[in-house]
């Protein structure tokens, strides 16, 4: 990373937390698979890409030599936070979205014999 002018500790400081979040979230997804696991995987991956965007941008500037345009820098300044917001919106959507009616939740299938038959609501009075 020193070849592009960025010390390693800066890269670790910026990419470490999203990488840890991807690893820990991935372990939780493998352990307890939610209904919308693909949304969570997408959110975690987009979060890591958002953290890597500044370093990718520096690499593109060095390779192309086009880093002197202010408009391109402004677009990159706005693109990184927008990508971060997209990642968190994907995670939020995975949290609040309901599975399809035909989908069976792994939690519900394990509790079938413990509660017996569901009671029908009755008008008492």
C-alpha atoms as a PDB file:
ATOM      1  CA  UNK A   1       0.000   0.000   0.000  1.00  0.00           C
ATOM      2  CA  UNK A   2       2.946   2.307   0.411  1.00  0.00           C
ATOM      3  CA  UNK A   3       3.304   2.144  -3.384  1.00  0.00           C
ATOM      4  CA  UNK A   4       0.126   4.207  -3.737  1.00  0.00           C
ATOM      5  CA  UNK A   5       1.007   6.503  -0.851  1.00  0.00           C
ATOM      6  CA  UNK A   6      -1.195   4.981   1.869  1.00  0.00           C
ATOM      7  CA  UNK A   7       0.425   3.489   4.976  1.00  0.00           C
ATOM      8  CA  UNK A   8      -0.738   0.010   6.000  1.00  0.00           C
ATOM      9  CA  UNK A   9      -2.081   1.123   9.367  1.00  0.00           C
ATOM     10  CA  UNK A  10      -4.503   3.478   7.596  1.00  0.00           C
ATOM     11  CA  UNK A  11      -5.773   0.616   5.437  1.00  0.00           C
ATOM     12  CA  UNK A  12      -6.160  -1.640   8.481  1.00  0.00           C
ATOM     13  CA  UNK A  13      -7.947   1.101  10.398  1.00  0.00           C
ATOM     14  CA  UNK A  14     -10.447   1.674   7.580  1.00  0.00           C
ATOM     15  CA  UNK A  15     -10.941  -1.892   6.342  1.00  0.00           C
ATOM     16  CA  UNK A  16     -10.597  -3.737   9.674  1.00  0.00           C
ATOM     17  CA  UNK A  17     -14.040  -3.024  11.169  1.00  0.00           C
ATOM     18  CA  UNK A  18     -16.028  -3.815   7.974  1.00  0.00           C
ATOM     19  CA  UNK A  19     -13.940  -6.955   7.451  1.00  0.00           C
ATOM     20  CA  UNK A  20     -14.569  -8.041  11.053  1.00  0.00           C
ATOM     21  CA  UNK A  21     -18.273  -7.291  10.578  1.00  0.00           C
ATOM     22  CA  UNK A  22     -18.288  -9.448   7.438  1.00  0.00           C
ATOM     23  CA  UNK A  23     -16.551 -12.341   9.201  1.00  0.00           C
ATOM     24  CA  UNK A  24     -18.641 -12.170  12.392  1.00  0.00           C
ATOM     25  CA  UNK A  25     -21.874 -11.611  10.467  1.00  0.00           C
ATOM     26  CA  UNK A  26     -20.997 -14.459   8.111  1.00  0.00           C
ATOM     27  CA  UNK A  27     -20.373 -16.780  11.040  1.00  0.00           C
ATOM     28  CA  UNK A  28     -23.752 -15.828  12.517  1.00  0.00           C
ATOM     29  CA  UNK A  29     -25.430 -16.356   9.151  1.00  0.00           C
ATOM     30  CA  UNK A  30     -23.961 -19.831   8.871  1.00  0.00           C
ATOM     31  CA  UNK A  31     -24.904 -20.638  12.465  1.00  0.00           C
ATOM     32  CA  UNK A  32     -28.449 -19.171  12.464  1.00  0.00           C
ATOM     33  CA  UNK A  33     -29.728 -18.755   8.912  1.00  0.00           C
ATOM     34  CA  UNK A  34     -32.405 -16.015   8.733  1.00  0.00           C
ATOM     35  CA  UNK A  35     -35.190 -15.864   6.164  1.00  0.00           C
ATOM     36  CA  UNK A  36     -33.474 -13.209   4.024  1.00  0.00           C
ATOM     37  CA  UNK A  37     -29.842 -14.302   4.337  1.00  0.00           C
ATOM     38  CA  UNK A  38     -28.934 -13.069   0.865  1.00  0.00           C
ATOM     39  CA  UNK A  39     -29.869  -9.498   1.856  1.00  0.00           C
ATOM     40  CA  UNK A  40     -27.599  -9.706   4.886  1.00  0.00           C
ATOM     41  CA  UNK A  41     -24.724 -11.098   2.795  1.00  0.00           C
ATOM     42  CA  UNK A  42     -25.264  -8.300   0.255  1.00  0.00           C
ATOM     43  CA  UNK A  43     -25.326  -5.644   2.981  1.00  0.00           C
ATOM     44  CA  UNK A  44     -22.130  -6.926   4.590  1.00  0.00           C
ATOM     45  CA  UNK A  45     -20.344  -7.127   1.223  1.00  0.00           C
ATOM     46  CA  UNK A  46     -21.479  -3.639   0.167  1.00  0.00           C
ATOM     47  CA  UNK A  47     -20.269  -2.319   3.536  1.00  0.00           C
ATOM     48  CA  UNK A  48     -16.798  -3.732   2.843  1.00  0.00           C
ATOM     49  CA  UNK A  49     -16.807  -2.312  -0.700  1.00  0.00           C
ATOM     50  CA  UNK A  50     -17.812   1.098   0.679  1.00  0.00           C
ATOM     51  CA  UNK A  51     -14.841   1.034   3.050  1.00  0.00           C
ATOM     52  CA  UNK A  52     -12.509   0.038   0.204  1.00  0.00           C
ATOM     53  CA  UNK A  53     -13.731   2.710  -2.237  1.00  0.00           C
ATOM     54  CA  UNK A  54     -11.224   5.421  -1.229  1.00  0.00           C
ATOM     55  CA  UNK A  55      -8.309   3.023  -1.746  1.00  0.00           C
ATOM     56  CA  UNK A  56      -9.729   1.781  -5.025  1.00  0.00           C
ATOM     57  CA  UNK A  57     -10.117   5.397  -6.095  1.00  0.00           C
ATOM     58  CA  UNK A  58      -6.468   6.129  -5.302  1.00  0.00           C
ATOM     59  CA  UNK A  59      -5.473   3.086  -7.354  1.00  0.00           C
ATOM     60  CA  UNK A  60      -7.601   4.231 -10.308  1.00  0.00           C
ATOM     61  CA  UNK A  61      -6.059   7.705 -10.082  1.00  0.00           C
ATOM     62  CA  UNK A  62      -2.557   6.270 -10.214  1.00  0.00           C
ATOM     63  CA  UNK A  63      -3.345   3.883 -13.073  1.00  0.00           C
ATOM     64  CA  UNK A  64      -5.167   6.408 -15.253  1.00  0.00           C
ATOM     65  CA  UNK A  65      -3.563   9.680 -14.205  1.00  0.00           C
ATOM     66  CA  UNK A  66      -7.002  11.332 -14.128  1.00  0.00           C
ATOM     67  CA  UNK A  67      -7.130  12.301 -10.469  1.00  0.00           C
ATOM     68  CA  UNK A  68      -6.724  16.020 -11.089  1.00  0.00           C
ATOM     69  CA  UNK A  69     -10.346  16.679 -12.053  1.00  0.00           C
ATOM     70  CA  UNK A  70     -12.353  18.214  -9.214  1.00  0.00           C
ATOM     71  CA  UNK A  71     -15.654  16.810 -10.511  1.00  0.00           C
ATOM     72  CA  UNK A  72     -14.380  13.242 -10.283  1.00  0.00           C
ATOM     73  CA  UNK A  73     -13.161  13.850  -6.722  1.00  0.00           C
ATOM     74  CA  UNK A  74     -16.556  15.270  -5.767  1.00  0.00           C
ATOM     75  CA  UNK A  75     -18.339  12.249  -7.205  1.00  0.00           C
ATOM     76  CA  UNK A  76     -16.077   9.916  -5.225  1.00  0.00           C
ATOM     77  CA  UNK A  77     -16.622  11.978  -2.073  1.00  0.00           C
ATOM     78  CA  UNK A  78     -20.374  11.494  -2.444  1.00  0.00           C
ATOM     79  CA  UNK A  79     -20.197   7.893  -3.698  1.00  0.00           C
ATOM     80  CA  UNK A  80     -18.541   6.421  -0.605  1.00  0.00           C
ATOM     81  CA  UNK A  81     -21.168   7.611   1.918  1.00  0.00           C
ATOM     82  CA  UNK A  82     -23.971   6.686  -0.498  1.00  0.00           C
ATOM     83  CA  UNK A  83     -22.582   3.162  -0.758  1.00  0.00           C
ATOM     84  CA  UNK A  84     -22.375   2.973   3.026  1.00  0.00           C
ATOM     85  CA  UNK A  85     -26.020   4.055   3.311  1.00  0.00           C
ATOM     86  CA  UNK A  86     -26.981   1.412   0.744  1.00  0.00           C
ATOM     87  CA  UNK A  87     -25.235  -1.256   2.826  1.00  0.00           C
ATOM     88  CA  UNK A  88     -27.102  -0.277   5.981  1.00  0.00           C
ATOM     89  CA  UNK A  89     -30.403  -0.074   4.100  1.00  0.00           C
ATOM     90  CA  UNK A  90     -29.881  -3.634   2.849  1.00  0.00           C
ATOM     91  CA  UNK A  91     -29.244  -4.805   6.404  1.00  0.00           C
ATOM     92  CA  UNK A  92     -32.290  -2.920   7.657  1.00  0.00           C
ATOM     93  CA  UNK A  93     -34.439  -4.381   4.882  1.00  0.00           C
ATOM     94  CA  UNK A  94     -33.249  -7.865   5.804  1.00  0.00           C
ATOM     95  CA  UNK A  95     -34.247  -7.187   9.393  1.00  0.00           C
ATOM     96  CA  UNK A  96     -37.743  -5.819   8.803  1.00  0.00           C
ATOM     97  CA  UNK A  97     -38.846  -7.769   5.726  1.00  0.00           C
ATOM     98  CA  UNK A  98     -41.223 -10.651   6.225  1.00  0.00           C
ATOM     99  CA  UNK A  99     -40.595 -14.043   4.601  1.00  0.00           C
ATOM    100  CA  UNK A 100     -43.020 -15.256   1.957  1.00  0.00           C
ATOM    101  CA  UNK A 101     -46.180 -17.005   3.133  1.00  0.00           C
ATOM    102  CA  UNK A 102     -44.988 -20.390   1.875  1.00  0.00           C
ATOM    103  CA  UNK A 103     -41.561 -20.131   3.507  1.00  0.00           C
ATOM    104  CA  UNK A 104     -41.011 -22.157   6.659  1.00  0.00           C
ATOM    105  CA  UNK A 105     -38.934 -20.611   9.386  1.00  0.00           C
ATOM    106  CA  UNK A 106     -36.384 -22.946  11.028  1.00  0.00           C
ATOM    107  CA  UNK A 107     -37.431 -21.631  14.445  1.00  0.00           C
ATOM    108  CA  UNK A 108     -41.114 -22.353  13.871  1.00  0.00           C
ATOM    109  CA  UNK A 109     -40.492 -25.889  12.664  1.00  0.00           C
ATOM    110  CA  UNK A 110     -38.724 -26.852  15.902  1.00  0.00           C
ATOM    111  CA  UNK A 111     -41.587 -25.686  18.141  1.00  0.00           C
ATOM    112  CA  UNK A 112     -44.406 -27.730  16.607  1.00  0.00           C
ATOM    113  CA  UNK A 113     -44.769 -30.313  19.336  1.00  0.00           C
ATOM    114  CA  UNK A 114     -44.136 -28.106  22.363  1.00  0.00           C
ATOM    115  CA  UNK A 115     -47.260 -25.943  22.348  1.00  0.00           C
ATOM    116  CA  UNK A 116     -49.819 -28.372  21.000  1.00  0.00           C
ATOM    117  CA  UNK A 117     -52.598 -27.226  18.738  1.00  0.00           C
ATOM    118  CA  UNK A 118     -53.185 -23.517  18.402  1.00  0.00           C
ATOM    119  CA  UNK A 119     -56.311 -22.306  20.149  1.00  0.00           C
ATOM    120  CA  UNK A 120     -58.924 -20.651  18.036  1.00  0.00           C
ATOM    121  CA  UNK A 121     -60.128 -17.281  19.324  1.00  0.00           C
ATOM    122  CA  UNK A 122     -63.603 -17.551  20.845  1.00  0.00           C
ATOM    123  CA  UNK A 123     -66.166 -14.995  21.782  1.00  0.00           C
ATOM    124  CA  UNK A 124     -66.592 -15.432  25.525  1.00  0.00           C
ATOM    125  CA  UNK A 125     -69.406 -13.597  27.153  1.00  0.00           C
END
